[in-house]
Structure formats: C-alpha cells, structure tokens
Amino acid sequence: MVDVFEEMNSKYIQVVAGGVHSAVLTLDGEVYMCGINEKGTVPAEGVEPEGSTSEFTIVRFSDQIIKHGKMVMLAAGASFTAALTDKGTVVAWGNLRDSSGEIDVHPLLHEMKDHPVIIVNYKDRRIVKVAAGENHLVMLDESGHVLTFGDGTMGQLGRSTRTGTIRSKYMCDSSGNSLLVHARKGRKDIFFKNIFAGGFWTLCVSQDGDVFGFGLNNFDQLGIKMPEFDETKAGEGGEDERELRVKLPAISENWAGSIWTHMDGVQHLAARNHNGEIWVVGKNTDNALGLGTWTGNDDKEHWKYDKPQKLVLDENAVGVTAGLASTIIWTEEGSAYAFGCDTTGQLGLGIKEDDDEKAEMTVVPTPQEITSAHLDGHNIVGVSLADMHALFLARKQSDDEEMKEEKEEKKVNKVDKEHKKEATPVQRPEVEEKEEKVDEEKPDEKMDTSEDHADEENGTGTGAESDQGENATEAEPVPSTQDDQEEQTPAME
C-alpha cells in the first residue's frame, strides 16, 4: 500500500480501479489516471499511444466536452472508463472487447481508442448515474430509464435475445433511444431508481423496490432461478450445457426485501443494504464469500451458495467492492476488511508470495482488517477493487472530527430555530381585520383575482416561481462516490 497525491492541493471524491488502469476524480471535476494506455485506456497528458505511466496524470478534455459540464462520477471496466458530467452527459474512452476480440462495429468506438468521446448527450437525455462491468456500461436517466452500452454476448445489455454481434445502430446513439432497456411487470412498464454492474451482469432496482437482473448467472449470483442440471441431458464428459445467461430483465427473488446501496463482483456478488449489512452469494471456491466454509477442491457442499448469506461483522458497513474472488468492505468507523483471493496483494493485507509465514494466507477465508502505516491517522471512506489491484480513498481523522462537530452544531442550530418558531404565536395583522370589516359593509365591491388564479394553475404565478428553481424538476446526479452511497463522501485532501 502506498500514498499518492500527498503534495497536491486537489480534493478527491472518488477512486475507480479498472482492469489495467486506475482513475481518480477531484471535487473540481478533474480526472487523473495511470496504467497501461492500451488503445486509449489512459489518455492522460504526455502518455504515448500504447505506452504507460505509473504516476497519476491529468486527463485533458476537449473544449467540446468541457461545454457539457464538470465531471462528477466515474466508472471503469477492463480497458475503458466512463465519466458523467453535472449536466447529465456521459463521456467514455478506451477499448471495448467481447469474446471475439475488439468491438468496432461503429465509428464512435474507433474514436474512443483515440480520445474521450460523448456517448450520451444531455441535450437529448440527462443521465444521473453510471456503472460498469468488464466490457459494458449501464446508465440511469432522470426519468427512470436504463440504458446499456458495450458487449452483450453474455446478455448483460438486457435488450435482446441475440447475443452475437449487435448492429451498429443499437450500439451507439447519443440520444440514448436505441440503448434503452425495456422491462415490464404484467402490463406495467417499469421505471428504475438505481443500477449496479460488474463482471458480465447488470442489476436494476425499480421504483417499486423490485430488483431486475440480466447477464451471466452461472453461479446463481443474480438470484434468478435457472433450469436444474439434468445429467441425462449433459454434454460429452457430463458437462453442464444449460443456458446460464439471462438475456432480458427478470425479477431477482434473492435480492427482494431490502434497499441495496452497493452491489459488486464477478462470479460472486457482495451487496450492502441500508442497514449496513453485507450479504454474499455465488461462487465460494477460495472462500470468496468470506464465510470460511470452503475446505478445498473436494468440498462439494460449500463451493457455491445460491441464496444470499449474511456476513457477521463487528461494525456497520458503509460500502463494499468486489472483484474476481475478492472483496473489501469499509465501515462507519473508517476501517476496512478484506477476504478471498489475495494473489497479487490486491486486498492490501501485506501478504507476499515469498513471506513463508503469510504464504498460506493468499486465500483469506474470513474478513480480516486491513492495517498499514500509510493509514495511521486516517479513516477509509471509499474503496474500488479490480481483479489485480485496489484503490483506497482515505480522510484524516482530524478532518473527520471537525466535520462531526460542524454537523452537531448545525443540528443544534436547527433545533433552536424550530423551537423559536413554535414559541412565536401567529397573530393576524390589525389592518386585515379592518379590511375585512369594510368588505362586510360593502358586499358589492369585490376584488377580481381570476387572473392570479389562472397564473397559479398554469404554474406562472409568484407562488409557482417561489417553489421552483431553474432545475427544480430535474433530478440531480447521483453523488460521485462509490455506488449509490447514502450520503455524499466529503472531499479528501
């Protein structure tokens, strides 16, 4: 674990770890990146095509993109990154792949390899959240529509039963119309309020609280019932040849009944609900679920769980991130816990292959606290885990104490104001009483208010103007922290 940005004055609000790259977002909307610039993955200043950089370097956006607003959220896949602006435009850059190789069915996908490009234009459709899997991007607009973009061979786009090459007109569309996911429950169209993506799957939470999923469900991670394995219909050598892809949105029974703030993973899923609980499901080899139940390759009972299991933690979780067979949780106390595979040190536990005492711990069976001299005096407030590395966002504990004091002071002031308001009797001005008496004496002289009433009904009167700001009817972008955190993470120095 190492420190970065120690001597820079920018304030950082989000970190994202991709397959071969890393990105950091500042409060001012600047994006810094490092890693391998494989076909435009890291278009940072001074980085050569097909080159690389080990230092976080600023990404300079074109004047055209800058006109679309400040960057407020990032999402990263295997070799691409997407950014959301405060106006609702989505910008993306890098390389998308499917099982056959690079996806290049549209000129825009070629441009992504050269420089950041606009994927969805806010003038056509305002996006409020983005989430990324390995090679697909999921977007939520202000009206509750879900849009998908990228590789669909595993059903992760949720738009078609076809999983082969998607025609170009359904691949890129700045208006977003051709990228829409259509979901219905009975005869009712479904609208959504949250989205999650990882690996080769997508999960969407409807405004009614139902969770819809689509994509690869080979370890029951989506919670959607699949056909039972029938040995009589098995392939050569007893291979399982069932269709394990969910190609269109389907309700996930496993994830019903809770409000989910985080969902992540590849072959397993780790999810955090609004109560601060962590639930895990899916493939459990190498104890990827943190339950400590898997005993080895001969364990036929605990290698997979098809129902979510609750992890026992001493602290309430604030968020969770997961990669391939690995998971990291961060808590209200500013601590972080990790479990699963730690083959490249991605869990931050300090395990090295040449460390005889810790070599056996490259598989971490249950949550273990992450400790490091680099974290002394800091609280962890965000983490992003990829298959081979992780990024941690931490805040000085002294800053946390100041923030807590400010919040308490605001609460006290608010209570004082409410008490004063309740203690003040409402008195009718004397002048109104006089006017009322005059009206009683002269009933034929009435005030004509028909024009004012018409304005109020049309929303153009003074009452309507005082209640509606310029963007009052527009949904604000989701805070630019880890997926759908309940409160926006304060800026870090």
Protein backbone atom coordinates (compact mmCIF):
# COMPACT_ATOMS: atom_id res chain seq x y z
CA MET A 1 0.00 0.00 0.00
CA VAL A 2 1.42 3.39 -0.99
CA ASP A 3 0.40 7.05 -0.63
CA VAL A 4 -0.38 9.20 -3.67
CA PHE A 5 -1.17 12.90 -4.13
CA GLU A 6 0.47 13.80 -0.82
CA GLU A 7 1.76 17.16 -2.06
CA MET A 8 -1.13 18.19 -4.28
CA ASN A 9 -3.89 20.55 -3.13
CA SER A 10 -6.76 18.96 -5.03
CA LYS A 11 -9.67 17.42 -3.11
CA TYR A 12 -10.55 13.88 -4.14
CA ILE A 13 -14.05 12.45 -4.12
CA GLN A 14 -13.85 9.12 -6.00
CA VAL A 15 -11.39 6.39 -6.96
CA VAL A 16 -12.02 3.66 -9.55
CA ALA A 17 -9.87 0.64 -10.37
CA GLY A 18 -10.04 -0.81 -13.89
CA GLY A 19 -8.52 -3.91 -15.42
CA VAL A 20 -5.24 -2.28 -16.49
CA HIS A 21 -5.71 1.25 -15.18
CA SER A 22 -6.75 3.50 -12.29
CA ALA A 23 -8.61 6.81 -12.17
CA VAL A 24 -9.22 9.48 -9.54
CA LEU A 25 -11.84 12.24 -9.61
CA THR A 26 -11.43 15.61 -7.85
CA LEU A 27 -14.07 17.93 -6.43
CA ASP A 28 -13.30 20.35 -9.25
CA GLY A 29 -14.11 17.70 -11.87
CA GLU A 30 -10.53 16.88 -12.85
CA VAL A 31 -9.63 13.30 -13.76
CA TYR A 32 -6.20 11.79 -13.07
CA MET A 33 -5.19 8.40 -14.46
CA CYS A 34 -2.34 5.91 -14.55
CA GLY A 35 -1.80 2.46 -16.02
CA ILE A 36 -1.42 0.94 -19.48
CA ASN A 37 -2.61 3.10 -22.36
CA GLU A 38 -3.81 0.12 -24.35
CA LYS A 39 -5.83 1.56 -27.26
CA GLY A 40 -6.76 4.77 -25.47
CA THR A 41 -7.35 3.35 -21.99
CA VAL A 42 -5.22 6.06 -20.32
CA PRO A 43 -5.40 9.22 -22.47
CA ALA A 44 -3.52 11.22 -19.85
CA GLU A 45 -1.34 14.19 -20.71
CA GLY A 46 2.02 13.14 -22.16
CA VAL A 47 1.27 9.41 -22.29
CA GLU A 48 2.12 7.90 -25.67
CA PRO A 49 -0.28 5.59 -27.56
CA GLU A 50 0.30 2.02 -26.35
CA GLY A 51 2.53 3.49 -23.65
CA SER A 52 2.00 3.54 -19.89
CA THR A 53 2.53 5.66 -16.80
CA SER A 54 2.96 4.72 -13.14
CA GLU A 55 2.12 8.24 -11.96
CA PHE A 56 -1.36 9.73 -11.79
CA THR A 57 -1.52 12.26 -14.61
CA ILE A 58 -4.30 14.65 -15.55
CA VAL A 59 -6.60 13.91 -18.49
CA ARG A 60 -7.25 16.97 -20.66
CA PHE A 61 -10.72 17.04 -22.21
CA SER A 62 -11.57 18.85 -25.44
CA ASP A 63 -13.42 22.18 -25.44
CA GLN A 64 -16.45 20.39 -26.86
CA ILE A 65 -16.60 18.03 -23.89
CA ILE A 66 -15.89 20.79 -21.35
CA LYS A 67 -19.06 22.56 -22.57
CA HIS A 68 -21.04 19.56 -21.30
CA GLY A 69 -20.17 20.31 -17.68
CA LYS A 70 -17.96 19.20 -14.82
CA MET A 71 -17.16 15.53 -14.26
CA VAL A 72 -18.96 14.26 -11.15
CA MET A 73 -18.77 10.44 -11.40
CA LEU A 74 -16.52 7.77 -12.90
CA ALA A 75 -16.95 4.09 -13.76
CA ALA A 76 -14.24 1.76 -15.05
CA GLY A 77 -14.21 -1.58 -16.89
CA ALA A 78 -11.44 -3.84 -18.10
CA SER A 79 -9.93 -1.37 -20.59
CA PHE A 80 -12.32 1.58 -20.66
CA THR A 81 -13.57 4.39 -18.44
CA ALA A 82 -16.78 6.45 -18.45
CA ALA A 83 -17.42 9.82 -16.85
CA LEU A 84 -20.70 11.56 -16.02
CA THR A 85 -20.97 15.36 -16.07
CA ASP A 86 -23.12 17.52 -13.83
CA LYS A 87 -25.30 18.36 -16.83
CA GLY A 88 -26.02 14.68 -17.47
CA THR A 89 -23.74 13.88 -20.43
CA VAL A 90 -21.76 10.62 -20.48
CA VAL A 91 -18.21 10.62 -21.87
CA ALA A 92 -16.18 7.44 -22.47
CA TRP A 93 -12.75 6.42 -23.68
CA GLY A 94 -10.69 3.26 -24.13
CA ASN A 95 -11.24 -0.15 -25.62
CA LEU A 96 -14.29 -2.45 -25.51
CA ARG A 97 -13.98 -6.19 -26.14
CA ASP A 98 -16.18 -9.25 -26.46
CA SER A 99 -15.39 -12.95 -26.69
CA SER A 100 -14.26 -12.48 -30.30
CA GLY A 101 -11.94 -9.56 -29.66
CA GLU A 102 -12.36 -5.82 -30.05
CA ILE A 103 -15.82 -4.34 -30.58
CA ASP A 104 -15.58 -1.95 -33.54
CA VAL A 105 -18.99 -2.03 -35.23
CA HIS A 106 -19.40 1.75 -35.06
CA PRO A 107 -17.07 4.69 -35.89
CA LEU A 108 -17.61 6.09 -32.37
CA LEU A 109 -15.96 3.00 -30.90
CA HIS A 110 -12.88 3.68 -33.03
CA GLU A 111 -12.82 7.27 -31.75
CA MET A 112 -12.90 6.04 -28.14
CA LYS A 113 -9.47 4.49 -28.73
CA ASP A 114 -8.06 7.87 -29.77
CA HIS A 115 -9.67 10.28 -27.31
CA PRO A 116 -12.66 10.72 -24.95
CA VAL A 117 -15.99 10.95 -26.80
CA ILE A 118 -19.59 11.75 -25.91
CA ILE A 119 -21.72 8.60 -25.58
CA VAL A 120 -24.99 10.21 -24.45
CA ASN A 121 -25.70 13.93 -24.85
CA TYR A 122 -27.52 15.70 -22.01
CA LYS A 123 -29.45 17.77 -24.57
CA ASP A 124 -31.17 14.55 -25.63
CA ARG A 125 -31.25 12.59 -22.38
CA ARG A 126 -29.97 13.50 -18.92
CA ILE A 127 -28.08 10.68 -17.17
CA VAL A 128 -27.79 10.65 -13.35
CA LYS A 129 -25.69 7.53 -12.68
CA VAL A 130 -23.22 5.25 -14.49
CA ALA A 131 -21.95 1.75 -13.59
CA ALA A 132 -19.53 -0.51 -15.43
CA GLY A 133 -18.89 -4.23 -15.88
CA GLU A 134 -15.89 -5.74 -17.63
CA ASN A 135 -16.89 -4.51 -21.09
CA HIS A 136 -20.30 -2.93 -20.72
CA LEU A 137 -21.67 0.32 -19.36
CA VAL A 138 -25.03 0.86 -17.65
CA MET A 139 -26.67 4.29 -17.36
CA LEU A 140 -29.72 5.59 -15.46
CA ASP A 141 -31.53 8.69 -16.69
CA GLU A 142 -33.55 11.21 -14.70
CA SER A 143 -36.85 9.68 -15.85
CA GLY A 144 -36.01 6.21 -14.53
CA HIS A 145 -34.96 4.63 -17.83
CA VAL A 146 -31.96 2.28 -18.00
CA LEU A 147 -29.57 2.38 -20.97
CA THR A 148 -26.82 -0.14 -21.76
CA PHE A 149 -23.77 0.07 -24.00
CA GLY A 150 -20.94 -2.28 -24.98
CA ASP A 151 -20.52 -6.05 -25.01
CA GLY A 152 -23.76 -8.04 -24.90
CA THR A 153 -22.57 -11.59 -25.54
CA MET A 154 -23.49 -12.68 -22.02
CA GLY A 155 -26.86 -10.96 -22.01
CA GLN A 156 -25.57 -8.11 -19.85
CA LEU A 157 -27.21 -5.43 -22.06
CA GLY A 158 -30.68 -6.85 -21.39
CA ARG A 159 -32.04 -5.57 -24.70
CA SER A 160 -32.21 -8.60 -26.98
CA THR A 161 -32.25 -12.39 -27.03
CA ARG A 162 -29.49 -12.08 -29.61
CA THR A 163 -26.06 -12.26 -28.03
CA GLY A 164 -23.97 -12.17 -31.19
CA THR A 165 -22.72 -9.02 -32.88
CA ILE A 166 -25.09 -6.13 -32.24
CA ARG A 167 -25.94 -3.93 -35.20
CA SER A 168 -24.23 -0.55 -35.07
CA LYS A 169 -27.46 1.45 -34.76
CA TYR A 170 -28.17 -0.36 -31.49
CA MET A 171 -24.62 0.14 -30.27
CA CYS A 172 -24.05 3.92 -30.34
CA ASP A 173 -26.73 6.60 -30.12
CA SER A 174 -26.10 9.94 -28.40
CA SER A 175 -29.85 10.39 -27.86
CA GLY A 176 -29.90 7.08 -25.98
CA ASN A 177 -33.10 5.91 -27.69
CA SER A 178 -31.51 2.81 -29.20
CA LEU A 179 -29.80 1.92 -25.91
CA LEU A 180 -32.97 1.67 -23.79
CA VAL A 181 -33.72 -1.44 -21.73
CA HIS A 182 -37.44 -2.26 -21.69
CA ALA A 183 -38.84 -4.03 -18.63
CA ARG A 184 -42.44 -4.86 -17.80
CA LYS A 185 -44.27 -6.37 -14.86
CA GLY A 186 -47.56 -7.65 -16.19
CA ARG A 187 -48.85 -4.85 -18.38
CA LYS A 188 -46.97 -2.18 -16.48
CA ASP A 189 -43.82 -0.50 -17.78
CA ILE A 190 -41.07 -0.49 -15.18
CA PHE A 191 -39.04 2.56 -14.21
CA PHE A 192 -35.88 2.39 -12.12
CA LYS A 193 -34.15 4.28 -9.34
CA ASN A 194 -30.76 2.56 -9.08
CA ILE A 195 -28.34 0.48 -11.15
CA PHE A 196 -25.37 -1.80 -10.47
CA ALA A 197 -22.98 -3.64 -12.78
CA GLY A 198 -19.98 -5.93 -12.53
CA GLY A 199 -18.29 -8.69 -14.48
CA PHE A 200 -20.86 -9.75 -17.08
CA TRP A 201 -24.10 -8.84 -15.30
CA THR A 202 -26.44 -5.93 -14.57
CA LEU A 203 -28.88 -5.36 -11.70
CA CYS A 204 -31.50 -2.59 -11.66
CA VAL A 205 -33.74 -1.53 -8.77
CA SER A 206 -37.23 -0.46 -9.81
CA GLN A 207 -39.09 2.46 -8.28
CA ASP A 208 -41.31 -0.12 -6.57
CA GLY A 209 -38.27 -1.76 -4.98
CA ASP A 210 -38.09 -4.87 -7.19
CA VAL A 211 -34.64 -5.93 -8.38
CA PHE A 212 -34.32 -6.92 -12.05
CA GLY A 213 -31.26 -8.70 -13.36
CA PHE A 214 -29.76 -9.82 -16.65
CA GLY A 215 -26.45 -11.20 -17.86
CA LEU A 216 -24.32 -14.18 -16.87
CA ASN A 217 -25.83 -16.13 -13.97
CA ASN A 218 -23.54 -19.16 -13.99
CA PHE A 219 -23.12 -19.23 -10.20
CA ASP A 220 -26.62 -18.03 -9.26
CA GLN A 221 -25.16 -14.63 -8.42
CA LEU A 222 -28.15 -12.78 -9.92
CA GLY A 223 -30.65 -14.62 -7.80
CA ILE A 224 -32.73 -15.64 -10.83
CA LYS A 225 -33.83 -19.27 -10.94
CA MET A 226 -32.24 -21.23 -13.77
CA PRO A 227 -33.13 -24.71 -15.16
CA GLU A 228 -31.97 -27.56 -12.97
CA PHE A 229 -28.97 -29.55 -14.15
CA ASP A 230 -30.10 -32.81 -15.80
CA GLU A 231 -27.34 -35.42 -16.09
CA THR A 232 -29.29 -37.22 -18.83
CA LYS A 233 -29.01 -34.10 -20.98
CA ALA A 234 -25.40 -33.34 -20.14
CA GLY A 235 -22.83 -32.95 -22.88
CA GLU A 236 -19.81 -35.10 -23.52
CA GLY A 237 -17.99 -35.87 -20.32
CA GLY A 238 -21.02 -34.87 -18.25
CA GLU A 239 -20.56 -31.16 -18.97
CA ASP A 240 -23.28 -28.74 -17.94
CA GLU A 241 -24.73 -27.33 -21.17
CA ARG A 242 -27.59 -25.36 -19.68
CA GLU A 243 -28.21 -21.79 -20.86
CA LEU A 244 -26.94 -19.76 -17.91
CA ARG A 245 -27.36 -16.31 -19.47
CA VAL A 246 -30.36 -14.15 -18.61
CA LYS A 247 -30.88 -12.16 -21.79
CA LEU A 248 -33.85 -9.98 -20.83
CA PRO A 249 -34.71 -8.32 -17.50
CA ALA A 250 -36.09 -10.78 -14.94
CA ILE A 251 -37.05 -10.27 -11.30
CA SER A 252 -34.48 -11.50 -8.79
CA GLU A 253 -36.20 -13.09 -5.83
CA ASN A 254 -32.94 -13.34 -3.89
CA TRP A 255 -32.49 -9.59 -3.65
CA ALA A 256 -36.09 -8.70 -2.73
CA GLY A 257 -36.99 -7.06 0.56
CA SER A 258 -34.03 -4.73 1.15
CA ILE A 259 -32.79 -1.36 -0.04
CA TRP A 260 -29.43 -2.03 -1.66
CA THR A 261 -26.78 0.69 -1.82
CA HIS A 262 -23.86 -1.35 -3.21
CA MET A 263 -23.62 -4.50 -5.37
CA ASP A 264 -20.39 -5.70 -6.93
CA GLY A 265 -18.47 -8.78 -8.02
CA VAL A 266 -17.85 -11.11 -10.97
CA GLN A 267 -18.60 -14.78 -10.20
CA HIS A 268 -19.82 -13.90 -6.73
CA LEU A 269 -21.79 -10.89 -5.53
CA ALA A 270 -21.30 -8.85 -2.38
CA ALA A 271 -24.07 -6.39 -1.50
CA ARG A 272 -24.60 -3.80 1.21
CA ASN A 273 -28.08 -2.74 2.35
CA HIS A 274 -29.27 0.47 4.01
CA ASN A 275 -28.93 -1.12 7.45
CA GLY A 276 -25.19 -1.54 6.97
CA GLU A 277 -25.36 -5.31 6.50
CA ILE A 278 -23.26 -7.24 3.96
CA TRP A 279 -24.76 -10.21 2.09
CA VAL A 280 -22.86 -12.52 -0.27
CA VAL A 281 -23.86 -15.13 -2.83
CA GLY A 282 -22.42 -17.14 -5.72
CA LYS A 283 -19.14 -18.97 -6.24
CA ASN A 284 -17.32 -19.69 -2.99
CA THR A 285 -14.13 -21.51 -4.02
CA ASP A 286 -11.12 -19.93 -2.31
CA ASN A 287 -13.64 -18.70 0.30
CA ALA A 288 -14.60 -15.84 -1.98
CA LEU A 289 -17.73 -15.21 0.11
CA GLY A 290 -15.81 -14.71 3.36
CA LEU A 291 -17.81 -17.36 5.20
CA GLY A 292 -14.81 -19.58 5.94
CA THR A 293 -16.79 -22.69 4.96
CA TRP A 294 -14.91 -23.88 1.87
CA THR A 295 -12.37 -26.57 2.77
CA GLY A 296 -10.75 -27.33 -0.58
CA ASN A 297 -11.30 -28.70 -4.07
CA ASP A 298 -13.01 -31.80 -2.69
CA ASP A 299 -15.65 -29.73 -0.91
CA LYS A 300 -18.83 -30.37 -2.93
CA GLU A 301 -21.14 -28.69 -0.44
CA HIS A 302 -19.73 -25.21 0.13
CA TRP A 303 -18.20 -24.34 -3.24
CA LYS A 304 -21.30 -22.29 -4.19
CA TYR A 305 -24.26 -20.64 -2.44
CA ASP A 306 -27.45 -19.93 -4.39
CA LYS A 307 -29.04 -17.91 -1.57
CA PRO A 308 -27.51 -14.73 -0.09
CA GLN A 309 -25.64 -15.29 3.17
CA LYS A 310 -25.22 -12.59 5.81
CA LEU A 311 -21.66 -11.84 6.91
CA VAL A 312 -21.05 -11.35 10.61
CA LEU A 313 -19.25 -8.04 11.20
CA ASP A 314 -18.49 -6.11 14.38
CA GLU A 315 -19.13 -2.77 12.64
CA ASN A 316 -21.79 -1.41 10.32
CA ALA A 317 -20.62 -1.36 6.71
CA VAL A 318 -20.68 1.84 4.67
CA GLY A 319 -19.77 0.21 1.37
CA VAL A 320 -18.44 -2.88 -0.38
CA THR A 321 -16.46 -3.54 -3.56
CA ALA A 322 -15.64 -6.89 -5.16
CA GLY A 323 -13.52 -8.26 -7.98
CA LEU A 324 -12.73 -11.79 -9.10
CA ALA A 325 -13.00 -13.93 -5.92
CA SER A 326 -12.04 -10.96 -3.72
CA THR A 327 -13.99 -8.47 -1.59
CA ILE A 328 -13.24 -5.38 0.51
CA ILE A 329 -15.68 -3.76 2.95
CA TRP A 330 -15.33 -0.34 4.61
CA THR A 331 -17.18 0.64 7.78
CA GLU A 332 -18.61 3.56 9.74
CA GLU A 333 -15.53 3.53 11.97
CA GLY A 334 -13.24 4.17 8.99
CA SER A 335 -11.85 0.63 8.99
CA ALA A 336 -11.67 -1.80 6.06
CA TYR A 337 -11.92 -5.59 5.96
CA ALA A 338 -10.92 -7.95 3.14
CA PHE A 339 -11.34 -11.61 2.23
CA GLY A 340 -10.98 -14.03 -0.66
CA CYS A 341 -8.03 -14.37 -3.05
CA ASP A 342 -5.05 -12.12 -2.43
CA THR A 343 -2.81 -13.44 -5.20
CA THR A 344 -1.30 -10.06 -6.15
CA GLY A 345 -1.67 -8.20 -2.87
CA GLN A 346 -4.87 -6.54 -4.09
CA LEU A 347 -6.53 -6.84 -0.68
CA GLY A 348 -3.99 -4.56 1.00
CA LEU A 349 -3.20 -7.07 3.74
CA GLY A 350 0.54 -7.04 3.12
CA ILE A 351 0.68 -10.67 2.02
CA LYS A 352 3.65 -11.60 -0.18
CA GLU A 353 4.33 -14.85 -2.00
CA ASP A 354 7.85 -15.05 -0.54
CA ASP A 355 6.61 -14.48 3.01
CA ASP A 356 6.62 -18.00 4.49
CA GLU A 357 4.51 -17.01 7.47
CA LYS A 358 1.79 -15.45 5.31
CA ALA A 359 2.08 -17.50 2.12
CA GLU A 360 -0.79 -19.75 3.17
CA MET A 361 -2.94 -16.65 3.59
CA THR A 362 -3.09 -15.85 -0.11
CA VAL A 363 -6.60 -17.22 0.45
CA VAL A 364 -8.22 -15.19 3.24
CA PRO A 365 -11.22 -17.24 4.44
CA THR A 366 -13.00 -14.62 6.58
CA PRO A 367 -12.98 -10.81 6.83
CA GLN A 368 -9.61 -9.56 8.06
CA GLU A 369 -8.91 -5.94 8.99
CA ILE A 370 -6.58 -4.02 6.70
CA THR A 371 -3.83 -2.27 8.64
CA SER A 372 -0.97 -0.20 7.28
CA ALA A 373 1.35 2.56 8.41
CA HIS A 374 0.03 4.54 5.46
CA LEU A 375 -3.42 4.52 7.07
CA ASP A 376 -2.32 5.71 10.52
CA GLY A 377 -4.39 8.74 11.45
CA HIS A 378 -6.79 8.19 8.55
CA ASN A 379 -10.29 6.81 8.05
CA ILE A 380 -11.11 4.86 4.91
CA VAL A 381 -14.14 6.35 3.17
CA GLY A 382 -14.09 4.58 -0.19
CA VAL A 383 -12.51 1.61 -1.98
CA SER A 384 -12.51 0.31 -5.55
CA LEU A 385 -11.29 -3.24 -6.20
CA ALA A 386 -10.33 -4.69 -9.58
CA ASP A 387 -9.02 -8.21 -10.27
CA MET A 388 -5.38 -7.34 -9.62
CA HIS A 389 -5.30 -4.13 -7.54
CA ALA A 390 -7.34 -1.81 -5.33
CA LEU A 391 -7.57 1.92 -4.67
CA PHE A 392 -8.39 3.35 -1.23
CA LEU A 393 -9.80 6.80 -0.51
CA ALA A 394 -8.93 7.96 3.00
CA ARG A 395 -9.53 11.08 5.07
CA LYS A 396 -7.51 12.42 8.00
CA GLN A 397 -9.16 11.59 11.31
CA SER A 398 -8.69 15.19 12.44
CA ASP A 399 -10.79 16.32 9.49
CA ASP A 400 -13.46 13.79 10.45
CA GLU A 401 -13.66 15.23 13.98
CA GLU A 402 -14.08 18.75 12.61
CA MET A 403 -16.84 17.55 10.28
CA LYS A 404 -18.66 15.81 13.13
CA GLU A 405 -18.51 18.98 15.24
CA GLU A 406 -19.88 21.05 12.35
CA LYS A 407 -22.76 18.59 11.85
CA GLU A 408 -23.63 18.64 15.56
CA GLU A 409 -23.56 22.45 15.59
CA LYS A 410 -25.90 22.57 12.58
CA LYS A 411 -28.29 20.15 14.29
CA VAL A 412 -28.36 22.29 17.46
CA ASN A 413 -28.99 25.47 15.46
CA LYS A 414 -31.79 23.81 13.53
CA VAL A 415 -33.49 22.63 16.73
CA ASP A 416 -33.18 26.11 18.25
CA LYS A 417 -34.82 27.69 15.20
CA GLU A 418 -37.67 25.19 15.29
CA HIS A 419 -38.30 25.86 18.99
CA LYS A 420 -38.34 29.60 18.43
CA LYS A 421 -40.75 29.17 15.54
CA GLU A 422 -43.11 27.04 17.65
CA ALA A 423 -42.97 29.53 20.54
CA THR A 424 -43.96 32.52 18.39
CA PRO A 425 -47.79 32.98 18.28
CA VAL A 426 -49.29 33.68 14.88
CA GLN A 427 -51.23 36.97 15.02
CA ARG A 428 -53.39 38.39 12.29
CA PRO A 429 -52.39 41.97 11.40
CA GLU A 430 -54.87 44.59 12.51
CA VAL A 431 -55.04 46.08 9.04
CA GLU A 432 -56.52 42.83 7.68
CA GLU A 433 -59.27 42.95 10.26
CA LYS A 434 -60.18 46.45 9.17
CA GLU A 435 -60.24 45.45 5.52
CA GLU A 436 -62.46 42.52 6.37
CA LYS A 437 -64.98 44.83 8.08
CA VAL A 438 -65.04 47.10 5.05
CA ASP A 439 -65.78 44.12 2.83
CA GLU A 440 -68.64 43.12 5.05
CA GLU A 441 -70.15 46.59 4.83
CA LYS A 442 -69.75 46.79 1.02
CA PRO A 443 -70.51 43.32 -0.37
CA ASP A 444 -70.90 44.59 -3.93
CA GLU A 445 -67.25 45.72 -4.18
CA LYS A 446 -65.27 42.51 -4.75
CA MET A 447 -61.61 42.08 -5.70
CA ASP A 448 -61.07 40.44 -9.11
CA THR A 449 -58.47 37.64 -8.62
CA SER A 450 -59.32 35.50 -11.62
CA GLU A 451 -56.07 36.38 -13.41
CA ASP A 452 -53.99 35.45 -10.35
CA HIS A 453 -55.77 32.12 -10.05
CA ALA A 454 -55.15 31.35 -13.71
CA ASP A 455 -51.44 32.03 -13.24
CA GLU A 456 -51.27 29.68 -10.26
CA GLU A 457 -52.96 26.87 -12.19
CA ASN A 458 -50.52 27.30 -15.07
CA GLY A 459 -47.52 27.45 -12.74
CA THR A 460 -46.62 31.00 -13.80
CA GLY A 461 -47.76 32.98 -10.75
CA THR A 462 -45.50 34.17 -7.96
CA GLY A 463 -46.32 31.15 -5.85
CA ALA A 464 -45.10 28.75 -8.54
CA GLU A 465 -41.93 30.75 -9.09
CA SER A 466 -41.04 30.77 -5.40
CA ASP A 467 -41.37 26.98 -5.19
CA GLN A 468 -39.50 26.07 -8.37
CA GLY A 469 -35.88 26.81 -9.11
CA GLU A 470 -34.43 26.69 -12.60
CA ASN A 471 -33.70 22.96 -12.30
CA ALA A 472 -36.31 22.03 -9.70
CA THR A 473 -37.88 19.41 -11.95
CA GLU A 474 -34.55 17.83 -12.93
CA ALA A 475 -33.02 15.01 -10.90
CA GLU A 476 -29.59 15.81 -9.50
CA PRO A 477 -26.75 13.43 -10.50
CA VAL A 478 -26.01 10.65 -8.01
CA PRO A 479 -23.17 11.70 -5.65
CA SER A 480 -19.79 10.96 -7.18
CA THR A 481 -18.64 8.40 -4.64
CA GLN A 482 -18.82 4.64 -4.55
CA ASP A 483 -22.02 3.12 -5.99
CA ASP A 484 -25.01 4.91 -4.53
CA GLN A 485 -23.60 5.72 -1.13
CA GLU A 486 -26.32 7.03 1.19
CA GLU A 487 -24.50 10.31 1.82
CA GLN A 488 -22.06 12.05 -0.48
CA THR A 489 -18.50 11.37 0.59
CA PRO A 490 -16.84 14.66 1.67
CA ALA A 491 -13.86 15.80 -0.36
CA MET A 492 -10.49 14.43 0.61
CA GLU A 493 -7.16 16.19 0.68
